[in-house]
C-alpha atoms as a PDB file:
ATOM      1  CA  MET A   1      93.095  87.710 106.878  1.00  0.00           C
ATOM      2  CA  ASP A   2      89.702  89.088 105.852  1.00  0.00           C
ATOM      3  CA  ASN A   3      88.128  91.371 108.449  1.00  0.00           C
ATOM      4  CA  LEU A   4      84.579  90.661 107.238  1.00  0.00           C
ATOM      5  CA  LYS A   5      85.056  86.888 107.636  1.00  0.00           C
ATOM      6  CA  LEU A   6      86.466  87.497 111.107  1.00  0.00           C
ATOM      7  CA  ILE A   7      83.434  89.591 112.101  1.00  0.00           C
ATOM      8  CA  ASN A   8      80.984  87.044 110.686  1.00  0.00           C
ATOM      9  CA  MET A   9      82.844  84.271 112.473  1.00  0.00           C
ATOM     10  CA  GLY A  10      82.268  86.026 115.808  1.00  0.00           C
ATOM     11  CA  LYS A  11      78.615  86.675 115.029  1.00  0.00           C
ATOM     12  CA  GLY A  12      78.151  83.059 114.027  1.00  0.00           C
ATOM     13  CA  ASN A  13      79.640  81.339 117.058  1.00  0.00           C
ATOM     14  CA  GLY A  14      79.150  84.057 119.685  1.00  0.00           C
ATOM     15  CA  TYR A  15      82.802  84.248 120.732  1.00  0.00           C
ATOM     16  CA  ARG A  16      84.542  87.605 120.402  1.00  0.00           C
ATOM     17  CA  PRO A  17      87.490  87.490 117.960  1.00  0.00           C
ATOM     18  CA  VAL A  18      90.446  89.538 119.228  1.00  0.00           C
ATOM     19  CA  VAL A  19      92.614  91.478 116.759  1.00  0.00           C
ATOM     20  CA  TRP A  20      95.796  92.555 118.545  1.00  0.00           C
ATOM     21  CA  ILE A  21      97.538  95.399 116.671  1.00  0.00           C
ATOM     22  CA  LYS A  22     101.084  96.042 117.786  1.00  0.00           C
ATOM     23  CA  SER A  23     102.428  99.537 117.144  1.00  0.00           C
ATOM     24  CA  PHE A  24     104.426 102.237 118.911  1.00  0.00           C
ATOM     25  CA  GLU A  25     102.293 104.912 117.197  1.00  0.00           C
ATOM     26  CA  ARG A  26      99.012 104.924 119.082  1.00  0.00           C
ATOM     27  CA  GLU A  27      96.972 107.421 117.062  1.00  0.00           C
ATOM     28  CA  ARG A  28      98.038 105.914 113.768  1.00  0.00           C
ATOM     29  CA  ALA A  29      97.060 102.425 114.960  1.00  0.00           C
ATOM     30  CA  MET A  30      93.715 103.693 116.270  1.00  0.00           C
ATOM     31  CA  SER A  31      93.023 105.459 112.957  1.00  0.00           C
ATOM     32  CA  TYR A  32      93.740 102.175 111.220  1.00  0.00           C
ATOM     33  CA  VAL A  33      91.278 100.319 113.476  1.00  0.00           C
ATOM     34  CA  PHE A  34      88.472 102.864 113.047  1.00  0.00           C
ATOM     35  CA  ASN A  35      88.843 102.857 109.272  1.00  0.00           C
ATOM     36  CA  LEU A  36      88.943  99.064 109.372  1.00  0.00           C
ATOM     37  CA  ILE A  37      85.668  98.919 111.296  1.00  0.00           C
ATOM     38  CA  SER A  38      84.109 101.473 108.938  1.00  0.00           C
ATOM     39  CA  GLU A  39      84.810  99.135 106.000  1.00  0.00           C
ATOM     40  CA  ASP A  40      83.862  95.628 107.095  1.00  0.00           C
ATOM     41  CA  ASN A  41      85.488  93.824 104.177  1.00  0.00           C
ATOM     42  CA  SER A  42      89.004  95.174 104.616  1.00  0.00           C
ATOM     43  CA  ASN A  43      92.006  92.894 104.617  1.00  0.00           C
ATOM     44  CA  LEU A  44      93.841  92.944 107.936  1.00  0.00           C
ATOM     45  CA  GLY A  45      97.109  92.043 106.286  1.00  0.00           C
ATOM     46  CA  SER A  46      97.204  94.920 103.798  1.00  0.00           C
ATOM     47  CA  LEU A  47      97.676  97.655 106.421  1.00  0.00           C
ATOM     48  CA  ASP A  48      96.643 100.214 103.812  1.00  0.00           C
ATOM     49  CA  LEU A  49      94.253 102.790 105.238  1.00  0.00           C
ATOM     50  CA  GLU A  50      93.183 103.754 101.731  1.00  0.00           C
ATOM     51  CA  ASP A  51      91.771 100.245 101.239  1.00  0.00           C
ATOM     52  CA  CYS A  52      89.672 100.667 104.393  1.00  0.00           C
ATOM     53  CA  PHE A  53      87.830 103.855 103.425  1.00  0.00           C
ATOM     54  CA  SER A  54      84.084 103.657 102.953  1.00  0.00           C
ATOM     55  CA  GLU A  55      81.015 105.847 102.776  1.00  0.00           C
ATOM     56  CA  LYS A  56      78.741 103.532 104.722  1.00  0.00           C
ATOM     57  CA  GLU A  57      76.162 104.452 107.324  1.00  0.00           C
ATOM     58  CA  SER A  58      77.224 105.908 110.666  1.00  0.00           C
ATOM     59  CA  LYS A  59      78.632 103.421 113.154  1.00  0.00           C
ATOM     60  CA  LYS A  60      80.090 103.653 116.615  1.00  0.00           C
ATOM     61  CA  ALA A  61      82.931 101.961 118.438  1.00  0.00           C
ATOM     62  CA  LEU A  62      83.682 101.768 122.153  1.00  0.00           C
ATOM     63  CA  VAL A  63      87.153 102.748 123.371  1.00  0.00           C
ATOM     64  CA  LEU A  64      88.650 101.573 126.677  1.00  0.00           C
ATOM     65  CA  SER A  65      91.920 103.167 127.756  1.00  0.00           C
ATOM     66  CA  PRO A  66      93.856 103.595 131.030  1.00  0.00           C
ATOM     67  CA  GLU A  67      93.345 107.392 130.865  1.00  0.00           C
ATOM     68  CA  ARG A  68      89.637 107.630 130.041  1.00  0.00           C
ATOM     69  CA  PHE A  69      88.275 104.230 131.104  1.00  0.00           C
ATOM     70  CA  LEU A  70      85.361 104.199 128.622  1.00  0.00           C
ATOM     71  CA  GLY A  71      84.621 106.363 125.608  1.00  0.00           C
ATOM     72  CA  GLU A  72      82.736 106.331 122.327  1.00  0.00           C
ATOM     73  CA  PHE A  73      83.937 107.163 118.831  1.00  0.00           C
ATOM     74  CA  ASN A  74      81.501 108.006 116.022  1.00  0.00           C
ATOM     75  CA  LEU A  75      82.899 106.532 112.816  1.00  0.00           C
ATOM     76  CA  SER A  76      80.961 109.018 110.679  1.00  0.00           C
ATOM     77  CA  SER A  77      83.397 111.726 111.834  1.00  0.00           C
ATOM     78  CA  LEU A  78      86.037 110.093 109.622  1.00  0.00           C
ATOM     79  CA  LYS A  79      84.029 111.103 106.571  1.00  0.00           C
ATOM     80  CA  ASN A  80      84.411 114.758 107.504  1.00  0.00           C
ATOM     81  CA  LYS A  81      88.191 114.517 107.458  1.00  0.00           C
ATOM     82  CA  LYS A  82      89.970 114.358 104.166  1.00  0.00           C
ATOM     83  CA  GLU A  83      92.952 112.474 105.594  1.00  0.00           C
ATOM     84  CA  ARG A  84      90.658 110.006 107.404  1.00  0.00           C
ATOM     85  CA  SER A  85      92.557 110.163 110.716  1.00  0.00           C
ATOM     86  CA  PHE A  86      91.268 111.141 114.127  1.00  0.00           C
ATOM     87  CA  ASP A  87      92.322 113.209 117.151  1.00  0.00           C
ATOM     88  CA  TYR A  88      92.677 111.140 120.323  1.00  0.00           C
ATOM     89  CA  ALA A  89      92.072 114.156 122.574  1.00  0.00           C
ATOM     90  CA  GLU A  90      89.008 115.550 120.783  1.00  0.00           C
ATOM     91  CA  ASP A  91      87.181 112.807 118.911  1.00  0.00           C
ATOM     92  CA  ILE A  92      86.481 110.349 121.733  1.00  0.00           C
ATOM     93  CA  ASN A  93      83.426 111.170 123.837  1.00  0.00           C
ATOM     94  CA  VAL A  94      83.853 110.034 127.431  1.00  0.00           C
ATOM     95  CA  ILE A  95      81.074 107.810 128.841  1.00  0.00           C
ATOM     96  CA  ASP A  96      80.815 108.365 132.606  1.00  0.00           C
ATOM     97  CA  SER A  97      77.819 106.105 133.376  1.00  0.00           C
ATOM     98  CA  TYR A  98      75.813 103.229 131.904  1.00  0.00           C
ATOM     99  CA  GLY A  99      72.552 101.330 132.191  1.00  0.00           C
ATOM    100  CA  LYS A 100      69.068 102.421 133.194  1.00  0.00           C
ATOM    101  CA  ASN A 101      70.286 103.239 136.681  1.00  0.00           C
ATOM    102  CA  LYS A 102      73.189 105.325 135.361  1.00  0.00           C
ATOM    103  CA  ILE A 103      75.867 103.374 137.178  1.00  0.00           C
ATOM    104  CA  PRO A 104      78.992 105.564 137.378  1.00  0.00           C
ATOM    105  CA  ILE A 105      82.158 104.442 135.586  1.00  0.00           C
ATOM    106  CA  ARG A 106      84.922 105.296 138.032  1.00  0.00           C
ATOM    107  CA  ASN A 107      87.751 102.957 137.049  1.00  0.00           C
ATOM    108  CA  ALA A 108      88.941 100.442 134.457  1.00  0.00           C
ATOM    109  CA  LEU A 109      87.123  97.552 136.132  1.00  0.00           C
ATOM    110  CA  THR A 110      83.702  99.223 136.014  1.00  0.00           C
ATOM    111  CA  ALA A 111      84.412 100.202 132.369  1.00  0.00           C
ATOM    112  CA  LEU A 112      85.034  96.548 131.567  1.00  0.00           C
ATOM    113  CA  GLU A 113      81.766  95.604 133.262  1.00  0.00           C
ATOM    114  CA  ALA A 114      79.903  98.392 131.433  1.00  0.00           C
ATOM    115  CA  ILE A 115      80.546  97.047 127.916  1.00  0.00           C
ATOM    116  CA  LYS A 116      78.466  93.947 128.811  1.00  0.00           C
ATOM    117  CA  ASP A 117      75.388  96.138 129.215  1.00  0.00           C
ATOM    118  CA  ALA A 118      72.588  95.866 126.654  1.00  0.00           C
ATOM    119  CA  GLU A 119      73.141  99.537 125.795  1.00  0.00           C
ATOM    120  CA  PHE A 120      76.412  98.628 124.067  1.00  0.00           C
ATOM    121  CA  LYS A 121      75.447  95.237 122.633  1.00  0.00           C
ATOM    122  CA  GLY A 122      76.959  94.476 119.243  1.00  0.00           C
ATOM    123  CA  LEU A 123      79.379  97.438 119.198  1.00  0.00           C
ATOM    124  CA  PRO A 124      83.029  96.733 118.325  1.00  0.00           C
ATOM    125  CA  VAL A 125      85.395  97.469 121.199  1.00  0.00           C
ATOM    126  CA  LEU A 126      88.886  98.957 121.038  1.00  0.00           C
ATOM    127  CA  PHE A 127      91.225  98.504 124.002  1.00  0.00           C
ATOM    128  CA  VAL A 128      94.199 100.856 124.229  1.00  0.00           C
ATOM    129  CA  GLU A 129      97.234  99.461 126.086  1.00  0.00           C
ATOM    130  CA  PRO A 130      95.278  96.969 128.227  1.00  0.00           C
ATOM    131  CA  ASN A 131      98.602  95.371 129.157  1.00  0.00           C
ATOM    132  CA  LEU A 132      99.154  98.297 131.555  1.00  0.00           C
ATOM    133  CA  LEU A 133      96.156  96.998 133.520  1.00  0.00           C
ATOM    134  CA  PHE A 134      96.888  93.278 133.238  1.00  0.00           C
ATOM    135  CA  SER A 135      99.022  93.489 136.389  1.00  0.00           C
ATOM    136  CA  ASN A 136      95.634  93.645 138.113  1.00  0.00           C
ATOM    137  CA  GLU A 137      94.623  89.976 138.206  1.00  0.00           C
ATOM    138  CA  THR A 138      90.930  90.876 138.460  1.00  0.00           C
ATOM    139  CA  TYR A 139      91.112  92.965 135.268  1.00  0.00           C
ATOM    140  CA  LEU A 140      92.967  90.217 133.400  1.00  0.00           C
ATOM    141  CA  TYR A 141      90.401  87.672 134.641  1.00  0.00           C
ATOM    142  CA  LEU A 142      87.460  89.776 133.423  1.00  0.00           C
ATOM    143  CA  PHE A 143      89.161  90.454 130.085  1.00  0.00           C
ATOM    144  CA  SER A 144      89.803  86.725 129.625  1.00  0.00           C
ATOM    145  CA  ASN A 145      86.181  85.900 130.481  1.00  0.00           C
ATOM    146  CA  MET A 146      84.983  88.412 127.900  1.00  0.00           C
ATOM    147  CA  ILE A 147      86.705  86.497 125.093  1.00  0.00           C
ATOM    148  CA  ASN A 148      86.484  82.971 126.546  1.00  0.00           C
ATOM    149  CA  PHE A 149      82.689  82.847 126.949  1.00  0.00           C
ATOM    150  CA  LYS A 150      79.941  83.285 124.396  1.00  0.00           C
ATOM    151  CA  ALA A 151      78.425  86.748 124.106  1.00  0.00           C
ATOM    152  CA  ASP A 152      77.293  88.812 121.101  1.00  0.00           C
ATOM    153  CA  GLY A 153      80.401  87.909 119.084  1.00  0.00           C
ATOM    154  CA  SER A 154      81.382  91.537 118.376  1.00  0.00           C
ATOM    155  CA  THR A 155      85.024  92.036 117.475  1.00  0.00           C
ATOM    156  CA  VAL A 156      87.567  93.199 120.056  1.00  0.00           C
ATOM    157  CA  TYR A 157      90.474  95.292 118.768  1.00  0.00           C
ATOM    158  CA  VAL A 158      93.582  95.993 120.822  1.00  0.00           C
ATOM    159  CA  VAL A 159      96.222  98.662 120.174  1.00  0.00           C
ATOM    160  CA  SER A 160      99.359  97.995 122.164  1.00  0.00           C
ATOM    161  CA  THR A 161     103.118  98.509 122.079  1.00  0.00           C
ATOM    162  CA  VAL A 162     103.691  94.913 123.219  1.00  0.00           C
ATOM    163  CA  SER A 163     102.542  91.431 122.214  1.00  0.00           C
ATOM    164  CA  PRO A 164      99.531  89.792 123.891  1.00  0.00           C
ATOM    165  CA  ASN A 165      99.770  88.481 127.433  1.00  0.00           C
ATOM    166  CA  GLU A 166     100.767  84.807 127.413  1.00  0.00           C
ATOM    167  CA  LYS A 167      97.470  83.844 129.072  1.00  0.00           C
ATOM    168  CA  ILE A 168      95.425  85.134 126.128  1.00  0.00           C
ATOM    169  CA  GLN A 169      97.949  85.004 123.267  1.00  0.00           C
ATOM    170  CA  ASN A 170      96.459  81.860 121.717  1.00  0.00           C
ATOM    171  CA  LEU A 171      93.096  83.664 121.415  1.00  0.00           C
ATOM    172  CA  CYS A 172      94.434  86.691 119.517  1.00  0.00           C
ATOM    173  CA  TYR A 173      95.012  87.442 115.828  1.00  0.00           C
ATOM    174  CA  GLU A 174      98.212  89.490 115.783  1.00  0.00           C
ATOM    175  CA  VAL A 175      98.896  92.295 113.296  1.00  0.00           C
ATOM    176  CA  ASP A 176     102.107  94.348 113.273  1.00  0.00           C
ATOM    177  CA  LEU A 177     101.822  97.933 112.058  1.00  0.00           C
ATOM    178  CA  ASN A 178     105.345  98.542 110.878  1.00  0.00           C
ATOM    179  CA  ALA A 179     106.593 101.293 108.607  1.00  0.00           C
ATOM    180  CA  LEU A 180     104.188 103.586 106.762  1.00  0.00           C
ATOM    181  CA  THR A 181     103.183 102.302 103.330  1.00  0.00           C
ATOM    182  CA  LEU A 182     102.978 104.456 100.220  1.00  0.00           C
ATOM    183  CA  LYS A 183      99.186 104.151 100.077  1.00  0.00           C
ATOM    184  CA  GLU A 184      98.913 105.165 103.713  1.00  0.00           C
ATOM    185  CA  ILE A 185     101.134 108.215 103.145  1.00  0.00           C
ATOM    186  CA  LYS A 186      99.121 109.214 100.075  1.00  0.00           C
ATOM    187  CA  SER A 187      95.918 109.100 102.133  1.00  0.00           C
ATOM    188  CA  TYR A 188      97.339 111.860 104.347  1.00  0.00           C
ATOM    189  CA  LEU A 189      98.652 113.832 101.361  1.00  0.00           C
ATOM    190  CA  LYS A 190      95.052 114.300 100.179  1.00  0.00           C
ATOM    191  CA  LYS A 191      94.801 117.111 102.698  1.00  0.00           C
ATOM    192  CA  TYR A 192      97.535 119.087 100.911  1.00  0.00           C
ATOM    193  CA  THR A 193      98.366 120.406  97.452  1.00  0.00           C
ATOM    194  CA  CYS A 194     101.404 118.618  96.012  1.00  0.00           C
ATOM    195  CA  GLU A 195     103.425 119.200  92.849  1.00  0.00           C
ATOM    196  CA  ASP A 196     103.759 115.427  92.434  1.00  0.00           C
ATOM    197  CA  VAL A 197     101.928 113.190  94.917  1.00  0.00           C
ATOM    198  CA  ASP A 198     103.944 110.078  94.045  1.00  0.00           C
ATOM    199  CA  LYS A 199     107.315 111.780  94.509  1.00  0.00           C
ATOM    200  CA  CYS A 200     106.202 113.510  97.728  1.00  0.00           C
ATOM    201  CA  ALA A 201     105.005 110.172  99.123  1.00  0.00           C
ATOM    202  CA  GLU A 202     108.312 108.534  98.216  1.00  0.00           C
ATOM    203  CA  ALA A 203     110.207 111.368  99.908  1.00  0.00           C
ATOM    204  CA  LEU A 204     108.262 110.744 103.145  1.00  0.00           C
ATOM    205  CA  LEU A 205     109.174 107.049 103.291  1.00  0.00           C
ATOM    206  CA  GLY A 206     111.338 106.230 106.292  1.00  0.00           C
ATOM    207  CA  LEU A 207     109.604 108.640 108.671  1.00  0.00           C
ATOM    208  CA  THR A 208     107.338 107.672 111.529  1.00  0.00           C
ATOM    209  CA  TYR A 209     103.668 108.685 111.530  1.00  0.00           C
ATOM    210  CA  ILE A 210     104.266 111.707 113.793  1.00  0.00           C
ATOM    211  CA  GLN A 211     107.387 112.792 111.901  1.00  0.00           C
ATOM    212  CA  MET A 212     105.440 112.602 108.639  1.00  0.00           C
ATOM    213  CA  LEU A 213     102.648 114.843 109.981  1.00  0.00           C
ATOM    214  CA  GLN A 214     105.162 117.335 111.405  1.00  0.00           C
ATOM    215  CA  THR A 215     107.045 117.445 108.112  1.00  0.00           C
ATOM    216  CA  LEU A 216     103.883 118.033 106.081  1.00  0.00           C
ATOM    217  CA  GLU A 217     102.656 120.831 108.323  1.00  0.00           C
ATOM    218  CA  TYR A 218     106.051 122.558 108.192  1.00  0.00           C
ATOM    219  CA  VAL A 219     106.676 122.355 104.444  1.00  0.00           C
ATOM    220  CA  ALA A 220     103.050 123.122 103.510  1.00  0.00           C
ATOM    221  CA  ASP A 221     102.864 126.595 105.061  1.00  0.00           C
ATOM    222  CA  ASN A 222      99.989 127.599 102.730  1.00  0.00           C
ATOM    223  CA  LYS A 223     101.911 126.629  99.613  1.00  0.00           C
ATOM    224  CA  THR A 224     102.281 123.690  97.263  1.00  0.00           C
ATOM    225  CA  ILE A 225     104.403 120.859  98.668  1.00  0.00           C
ATOM    226  CA  ASN A 226     107.316 119.529  96.644  1.00  0.00           C
ATOM    227  CA  GLU A 227     109.758 116.689  97.264  1.00  0.00           C
ATOM    228  CA  ALA A 228     112.791 119.002  97.540  1.00  0.00           C
ATOM    229  CA  GLU A 229     111.312 120.780 100.577  1.00  0.00           C
ATOM    230  CA  ILE A 230     110.520 117.420 102.200  1.00  0.00           C
ATOM    231  CA  HIS A 231     114.064 116.113 101.666  1.00  0.00           C
ATOM    232  CA  LYS A 232     115.515 119.357 103.036  1.00  0.00           C
ATOM    233  CA  PHE A 233     113.391 119.254 106.193  1.00  0.00           C
ATOM    234  CA  LYS A 234     114.155 115.552 106.725  1.00  0.00           C
ATOM    235  CA  SER A 235     117.914 116.018 106.406  1.00  0.00           C
ATOM    236  CA  GLU A 236     117.929 119.012 108.763  1.00  0.00           C
ATOM    237  CA  ASN A 237     115.672 117.586 111.479  1.00  0.00           C
ATOM    238  CA  PHE A 238     115.374 113.801 111.312  1.00  0.00           C
ATOM    239  CA  ASP A 239     118.770 112.155 111.214  1.00  0.00           C
ATOM    240  CA  ILE A 240     117.211 108.753 111.865  1.00  0.00           C
ATOM    241  CA  SER A 241     115.659 107.774 108.538  1.00  0.00           C
ATOM    242  CA  MET A 242     116.892 104.415 107.231  1.00  0.00           C
ATOM    243  CA  LEU A 243     115.854 105.302 103.667  1.00  0.00           C
ATOM    244  CA  GLU A 244     116.827 108.177 101.417  1.00  0.00           C
ATOM    245  CA  VAL A 245     114.698 108.379  98.256  1.00  0.00           C
ATOM    246  CA  SER A 246     115.776 110.723  95.471  1.00  0.00           C
ATOM    247  CA  HIS A 247     115.320 111.275  91.727  1.00  0.00           C
ATOM    248  CA  PRO A 248     118.812 111.870  90.263  1.00  0.00           C
ATOM    249  CA  THR A 249     119.333 113.930  87.126  1.00  0.00           C
ATOM    250  CA  MET A 250     122.876 112.793  86.274  1.00  0.00           C
ATOM    251  CA  SER A 251     123.393 111.029  82.943  1.00  0.00           C
ATOM    252  CA  VAL A 252     126.236 109.056  81.371  1.00  0.00           C
ATOM    253  CA  ASP A 253     127.395 112.297  79.737  1.00  0.00           C
ATOM    254  CA  ASP A 254     128.249 113.666  83.182  1.00  0.00           C
ATOM    255  CA  MET A 255     130.765 110.878  83.846  1.00  0.00           C
ATOM    256  CA  GLY A 256     134.281 110.893  82.519  1.00  0.00           C
ATOM    257  CA  GLY A 257     135.912 107.667  81.393  1.00  0.00           C
ATOM    258  CA  TYR A 258     134.388 104.276  82.285  1.00  0.00           C
ATOM    259  CA  GLU A 259     133.381 103.650  78.667  1.00  0.00           C
ATOM    260  CA  ASN A 260     132.506  99.978  79.253  1.00  0.00           C
ATOM    261  CA  PHE A 261     130.217 100.934  82.136  1.00  0.00           C
ATOM    262  CA  LYS A 262     128.509 103.701  80.123  1.00  0.00           C
ATOM    263  CA  ASN A 263     127.877 101.327  77.206  1.00  0.00           C
ATOM    264  CA  TYR A 264     126.355  98.859  79.688  1.00  0.00           C
ATOM    265  CA  VAL A 265     124.073 101.530  81.165  1.00  0.00           C
ATOM    266  CA  LYS A 266     122.826 102.591  77.722  1.00  0.00           C
ATOM    267  CA  THR A 267     121.619  99.045  77.045  1.00  0.00           C
ATOM    268  CA  LEU A 268     119.686  98.711  80.338  1.00  0.00           C
ATOM    269  CA  PRO A 269     116.355 100.278  79.245  1.00  0.00           C
ATOM    270  CA  LYS A 270     115.981  97.582  76.553  1.00  0.00           C
ATOM    271  CA  PHE A 271     115.777  94.868  79.206  1.00  0.00           C
ATOM    272  CA  TYR A 272     112.617  96.415  80.711  1.00  0.00           C
ATOM    273  CA  THR A 273     110.598  96.704  77.498  1.00  0.00           C
ATOM    274  CA  LYS A 274     107.506  94.736  76.533  1.00  0.00           C
ATOM    275  CA  GLU A 275     109.471  92.999  73.785  1.00  0.00           C
ATOM    276  CA  ALA A 276     112.092  91.795  76.264  1.00  0.00           C
ATOM    277  CA  ARG A 277     109.410  90.368  78.562  1.00  0.00           C
ATOM    278  CA  GLU A 278     107.720  88.587  75.638  1.00  0.00           C
ATOM    279  CA  MET A 279     111.056  86.994  74.711  1.00  0.00           C
ATOM    280  CA  ASN A 280     111.650  85.989  78.368  1.00  0.00           C
ATOM    281  CA  ILE A 281     114.857  87.986  78.524  1.00  0.00           C
ATOM    282  CA  LYS A 282     115.847  88.384  82.152  1.00  0.00           C
ATOM    283  CA  ALA A 283     116.736  91.882  83.322  1.00  0.00           C
ATOM    284  CA  PRO A 284     120.071  92.506  85.085  1.00  0.00           C
ATOM    285  CA  LYS A 285     119.781  92.271  88.873  1.00  0.00           C
ATOM    286  CA  GLY A 286     122.589  94.614  89.839  1.00  0.00           C
ATOM    287  CA  PHE A 287     126.332  95.002  90.200  1.00  0.00           C
ATOM    288  CA  ILE A 288     129.016  95.540  92.840  1.00  0.00           C
ATOM    289  CA  ALA A 289     131.132  98.687  92.574  1.00  0.00           C
ATOM    290  CA  PHE A 290     134.343  98.805  94.588  1.00  0.00           C
ATOM    291  CA  GLY A 291     137.289 101.130  94.661  1.00  0.00           C
ATOM    292  CA  VAL A 292     138.921 104.043  96.419  1.00  0.00           C
ATOM    293  CA  PRO A 293     136.823 106.959  97.736  1.00  0.00           C
ATOM    294  CA  GLY A 294     135.743 109.376  94.985  1.00  0.00           C
ATOM    295  CA  CYS A 295     135.872 106.939  92.055  1.00  0.00           C
ATOM    296  CA  SER A 296     132.155 107.400  91.196  1.00  0.00           C
ATOM    297  CA  LYS A 297     130.731 104.316  92.899  1.00  0.00           C
ATOM    298  CA  THR A 298     127.661 106.171  94.234  1.00  0.00           C
ATOM    299  CA  VAL A 299     127.438 108.303  91.079  1.00  0.00           C
ATOM    300  CA  SER A 300     127.091 105.157  88.985  1.00  0.00           C
ATOM    301  CA  ALA A 301     123.910 104.210  90.894  1.00  0.00           C
ATOM    302  CA  SER A 302     122.499 107.714  90.343  1.00  0.00           C
ATOM    303  CA  ILE A 303     123.159 107.501  86.612  1.00  0.00           C
ATOM    304  CA  ILE A 304     121.418 104.117  86.331  1.00  0.00           C
ATOM    305  CA  ALA A 305     118.369 105.411  88.239  1.00  0.00           C
ATOM    306  CA  ASN A 306     118.084 108.417  85.920  1.00  0.00           C
ATOM    307  CA  THR A 307     118.582 106.266  82.816  1.00  0.00           C
ATOM    308  CA  LEU A 308     115.780 103.921  83.885  1.00  0.00           C
ATOM    309  CA  ASN A 309     113.630 106.848  85.102  1.00  0.00           C
ATOM    310  CA  VAL A 310     113.059 105.307  88.544  1.00  0.00           C
ATOM    311  CA  PRO A 311     113.802 106.539  92.102  1.00  0.00           C
ATOM    312  CA  LEU A 312     117.176 105.930  93.727  1.00  0.00           C
ATOM    313  CA  VAL A 313     116.805 104.419  97.195  1.00  0.00           C
ATOM    314  CA  ASN A 314     119.836 104.597  99.465  1.00  0.00           C
ATOM    315  CA  ILE A 315     119.584 102.361 102.536  1.00  0.00           C
ATOM    316  CA  ASN A 316     121.465 104.104 105.328  1.00  0.00           C
ATOM    317  CA  LEU A 317     123.420 101.181 106.782  1.00  0.00           C
ATOM    318  CA  SER A 318     124.790 103.276 109.645  1.00  0.00           C
ATOM    319  CA  LYS A 319     121.179 103.538 110.887  1.00  0.00           C
ATOM    320  CA  ILE A 320     120.469  99.876 110.194  1.00  0.00           C
ATOM    321  CA  MET A 321     123.315  98.467 112.262  1.00  0.00           C
ATOM    322  CA  GLN A 322     122.715  98.466 116.015  1.00  0.00           C
ATOM    323  CA  GLY A 323     124.315  96.756 118.994  1.00  0.00           C
ATOM    324  CA  LEU A 324     121.276  94.984 120.416  1.00  0.00           C
ATOM    325  CA  VAL A 325     120.757  91.358 119.383  1.00  0.00           C
ATOM    326  CA  GLY A 326     118.192  91.190 116.566  1.00  0.00           C
ATOM    327  CA  ALA A 327     117.874  94.985 116.203  1.00  0.00           C
ATOM    328  CA  SER A 328     119.895  95.187 112.958  1.00  0.00           C
ATOM    329  CA  GLU A 329     117.891  92.366 111.380  1.00  0.00           C
ATOM    330  CA  SER A 330     114.619  94.017 112.394  1.00  0.00           C
ATOM    331  CA  ASN A 331     115.731  97.364 110.954  1.00  0.00           C
ATOM    332  CA  MET A 332     116.771  95.759 107.676  1.00  0.00           C
ATOM    333  CA  GLU A 333     113.442  93.936 107.376  1.00  0.00           C
ATOM    334  CA  GLN A 334     111.571  97.205 107.984  1.00  0.00           C
ATOM    335  CA  ALA A 335     113.692  99.060 105.408  1.00  0.00           C
ATOM    336  CA  LEU A 336     113.223  96.362 102.749  1.00  0.00           C
ATOM    337  CA  ASN A 337     109.465  96.298 103.357  1.00  0.00           C
ATOM    338  CA  GLN A 338     109.412 100.016 102.584  1.00  0.00           C
ATOM    339  CA  VAL A 339     111.505  99.505  99.454  1.00  0.00           C
ATOM    340  CA  LYS A 340     108.903  97.005  98.209  1.00  0.00           C
ATOM    341  CA  GLN A 341     106.325  99.803  98.292  1.00  0.00           C
ATOM    342  CA  LEU A 342     108.212 101.567  95.479  1.00  0.00           C
ATOM    343  CA  LYS A 343     107.949  98.568  93.125  1.00  0.00           C
ATOM    344  CA  ASN A 344     110.437  99.944  90.535  1.00  0.00           C
ATOM    345  CA  CYS A 345     113.610 101.542  91.884  1.00  0.00           C
ATOM    346  CA  VAL A 346     117.391 101.330  92.010  1.00  0.00           C
ATOM    347  CA  LEU A 347     118.514 100.176  95.456  1.00  0.00           C
ATOM    348  CA  LEU A 348     121.871 101.430  96.689  1.00  0.00           C
ATOM    349  CA  LEU A 349     123.694  99.673  99.540  1.00  0.00           C
ATOM    350  CA  ASP A 350     126.487 102.154 100.150  1.00  0.00           C
ATOM    351  CA  GLU A 351     129.428 100.959 102.260  1.00  0.00           C
ATOM    352  CA  SER A 352     127.958  97.462 102.220  1.00  0.00           C
ATOM    353  CA  GLU A 353     130.994  96.044 104.007  1.00  0.00           C
ATOM    354  CA  LYS A 354     129.349  97.288 107.213  1.00  0.00           C
ATOM    355  CA  LEU A 355     126.458  94.923 106.612  1.00  0.00           C
ATOM    356  CA  PHE A 356     128.201  91.888 105.110  1.00  0.00           C
ATOM    357  CA  GLY A 357     131.603  92.103 106.735  1.00  0.00           C
ATOM    358  CA  GLY A 358     130.724  93.597 110.121  1.00  0.00           C
ATOM    359  CA  TYR A 359     132.638  96.266 111.981  1.00  0.00           C
ATOM    360  CA  TYR A 360     136.366  95.934 112.452  1.00  0.00           C
END
């Protein structure tokens, strides 16, 4: 979905398009929206903040939230921040009155009335958790009227932890902000000095937005960041990551026996060459290793990753599997979406019987 087409659609017919962004990470979602507004031709489906960055003229956006009622965010402030994110507590200027008569804004209802004023005509509007106020029928009625009747056609963005209210759901374009993408992580790494940006970004996969920022601040400590420090901090403090990304150094020479397997591994790089692609030779998809504990099942995956010079991604199935209906499937979908960000990798499903055979 093209954001520019969506904006032009609203300007053309006068109805406000509503982009409902579902995320449990409020500041990350709001950063995404502000960068999206700053670059009018961004794709809403990409979810990559790096694709939204622009050096256009200064713009403003209105922000309505249960805590501050009405505020204003100057998009030009993003250009002064290397990581292109914002601070919810500092960057939003509270608007306490509106209009020529300076009508005071004392609650959420008057804030909703204020954005209709000519002073704010044409400005995009961001609502933060409006669902908390939808229990007030008057507020829900006014919100519905805002998007059901013709006005200036400016886009309405919503950041919420839940899906749209059923009364307005058919009027909203829904976007889910799921796990952090590699491009998004790299946009925050610009603030720091890294030994290898790609490997540091891969090491941060699996963390939430806040966990990522906490990890970076801790391991930076006025020095160059490396992937080993990130992995160490993650393992010691965040025992919730569904992905473990590493770059093994083991080779076939480190394994005893298994001559047939080692001969197979030595042939693998040939399948990924330009010549193999030109001859339409299909690359091997994978293999199943089974046996008693300690027979080098996991080691074999590490050796293949090193031989192909790609990351090894271990999906932590103990974190994937949960008791709630649909939770395991949702976790697996989120983990696989993150794996896709790596493009080339060796994927390890350790103890896969938990996933395919269930618990006994």
